[in-house]
Amino acid sequence: MKIGYQKNRNNKNKTDLIIWIITIIVLIIAFLFSELFPVENKIIKTISISLIVFFAIFLSTITLKGKQIVKFIYISCKEMKKVIWPSFQEALQTTLIVSLVTLVMSLLLWGLDSLLIRIISFITGLRF
């Protein structure tokens, strides 16, 4: 039973590899499309490149890794819907608090640094 499973898995891996190679070739064609057809209208180029890229995305979703990526994106979107986003007022208050704490800490560190420089210069006899 395991031998048949292993053989099927190897065939699937080879098929996935071939699909990924085709996908990469299709994407290279999409990137070189402007160079291959320089006299075409910009709208036609944009639509053509978009269709080629969508085809490459479709090809990649057929593979095992592509299916895993699609599943991950789907689960991530579901989780994003569960997030409770802060209101404008909460975001503004949090931003102001963080800014105020940063300002106070920077002033305290500046004062401590100045004090330490004066103490060290007094001890060593150097003047700053």
Protein backbone atom coordinates (compact mmCIF):
# COMPACT_ATOMS: atom_id res chain seq x y z
CA MET A 1 0.00 0.00 0.00
CA LYS A 2 2.80 2.44 0.85
CA ILE A 3 4.58 1.79 -2.45
CA GLY A 4 1.54 2.92 -4.45
CA TYR A 5 1.17 5.97 -2.22
CA GLN A 6 4.85 6.84 -2.64
CA LYS A 7 4.60 6.43 -6.43
CA ASN A 8 1.49 8.65 -6.55
CA ARG A 9 3.25 11.23 -4.36
CA ASN A 10 6.33 11.25 -6.62
CA ASN A 11 4.12 11.74 -9.69
CA LYS A 12 2.32 14.60 -7.92
CA ASN A 13 5.66 16.21 -7.03
CA LYS A 14 6.82 15.96 -10.65
CA THR A 15 3.51 17.41 -11.86
CA ASP A 16 3.79 20.25 -9.36
CA LEU A 17 7.35 20.95 -10.51
CA ILE A 18 6.26 21.08 -14.15
CA ILE A 19 3.37 23.42 -13.28
CA TRP A 20 5.71 25.71 -11.33
CA ILE A 21 8.15 25.83 -14.26
CA ILE A 22 5.28 26.69 -16.63
CA THR A 23 4.09 29.35 -14.16
CA ILE A 24 7.54 30.93 -14.05
CA ILE A 25 7.75 30.91 -17.85
CA VAL A 26 4.30 32.52 -18.08
CA LEU A 27 5.37 35.23 -15.59
CA ILE A 28 8.55 35.89 -17.56
CA ILE A 29 6.41 36.28 -20.69
CA ALA A 30 4.19 38.72 -18.79
CA PHE A 31 7.21 40.81 -17.76
CA LEU A 32 8.64 40.77 -21.28
CA PHE A 33 5.28 41.45 -22.94
CA SER A 34 6.01 45.16 -23.39
CA GLU A 35 9.28 44.36 -25.11
CA LEU A 36 7.76 41.67 -27.29
CA PHE A 37 4.91 43.91 -28.53
CA PRO A 38 6.15 47.52 -28.41
CA VAL A 39 3.59 48.95 -30.87
CA GLU A 40 0.45 47.72 -29.10
CA ASN A 41 -1.92 50.11 -27.33
CA LYS A 42 -1.24 50.62 -23.59
CA ILE A 43 -4.72 49.50 -22.61
CA ILE A 44 -4.36 46.29 -24.63
CA LYS A 45 -0.92 45.69 -23.06
CA THR A 46 -2.27 46.24 -19.55
CA ILE A 47 -5.23 43.93 -20.06
CA SER A 48 -3.03 41.29 -21.70
CA ILE A 49 -0.42 41.39 -18.95
CA SER A 50 -3.16 41.23 -16.31
CA LEU A 51 -4.70 38.19 -17.96
CA ILE A 52 -1.30 36.49 -18.23
CA VAL A 53 -0.56 37.16 -14.54
CA PHE A 54 -4.00 35.89 -13.51
CA PHE A 55 -3.37 32.75 -15.57
CA ALA A 56 -0.03 32.27 -13.78
CA ILE A 57 -1.76 32.69 -10.41
CA PHE A 58 -4.38 30.16 -11.44
CA LEU A 59 -1.66 27.71 -12.49
CA SER A 60 0.13 28.12 -9.18
CA THR A 61 -3.06 27.41 -7.19
CA ILE A 62 -3.29 23.97 -8.81
CA THR A 63 -0.12 22.82 -7.04
CA LEU A 64 0.09 21.57 -3.47
CA LYS A 65 2.01 24.66 -2.27
CA GLY A 66 -0.42 26.91 -4.10
CA LYS A 67 -3.37 25.25 -2.36
CA GLN A 68 -1.62 25.73 0.98
CA ILE A 69 -1.07 29.42 0.21
CA VAL A 70 -4.71 29.89 -0.78
CA LYS A 71 -5.83 28.14 2.42
CA PHE A 72 -3.50 30.37 4.47
CA ILE A 73 -4.88 33.52 2.82
CA TYR A 74 -8.45 32.34 3.41
CA ILE A 75 -7.79 31.64 7.10
CA SER A 76 -5.97 34.97 7.47
CA CYS A 77 -8.96 36.83 6.01
CA LYS A 78 -11.27 35.04 8.44
CA GLU A 79 -9.00 36.04 11.34
CA MET A 80 -8.86 39.66 10.14
CA LYS A 81 -12.65 39.82 10.44
CA LYS A 82 -12.37 38.82 14.10
CA VAL A 83 -10.03 41.71 14.96
CA ILE A 84 -11.59 44.58 16.88
CA TRP A 85 -10.02 47.69 15.42
CA PRO A 86 -9.65 50.78 17.63
CA SER A 87 -11.81 53.81 16.97
CA PHE A 88 -10.28 57.05 15.76
CA GLN A 89 -10.45 58.49 19.29
CA GLU A 90 -8.69 55.46 20.81
CA ALA A 91 -5.99 55.50 18.14
CA LEU A 92 -5.44 59.24 18.65
CA GLN A 93 -5.20 58.90 22.43
CA THR A 94 -2.78 55.99 22.18
CA THR A 95 -0.63 57.90 19.70
CA LEU A 96 -0.52 60.95 21.96
CA ILE A 97 0.37 58.85 25.01
CA VAL A 98 3.21 57.11 23.16
CA SER A 99 4.49 60.45 21.84
CA LEU A 100 4.39 62.03 25.30
CA VAL A 101 6.18 59.08 26.94
CA THR A 102 8.81 59.15 24.19
CA LEU A 103 9.37 62.88 24.70
CA VAL A 104 9.66 62.54 28.50
CA MET A 105 12.05 59.58 28.24
CA SER A 106 14.23 61.35 25.69
CA LEU A 107 14.46 64.43 27.93
CA LEU A 108 15.33 62.24 30.96
CA LEU A 109 18.02 60.40 29.02
CA TRP A 110 19.41 63.68 27.66
CA GLY A 111 19.57 65.10 31.19
CA LEU A 112 21.20 61.96 32.57
CA ASP A 113 23.73 61.96 29.73
CA SER A 114 24.58 65.62 30.35
CA LEU A 115 24.96 64.98 34.09
CA LEU A 116 27.24 61.98 33.53
CA ILE A 117 29.39 63.95 31.07
CA ARG A 118 29.83 66.75 33.63
CA ILE A 119 30.68 64.29 36.42
CA ILE A 120 33.22 62.45 34.24
CA SER A 121 34.76 65.71 33.03
CA PHE A 122 35.05 66.92 36.66
CA ILE A 123 36.73 63.68 37.71
CA THR A 124 39.13 63.51 34.76
CA GLY A 125 39.77 67.24 34.57
CA LEU A 126 38.66 67.53 30.96
CA ARG A 127 36.36 70.35 29.87
CA PHE A 128 33.44 69.91 27.48
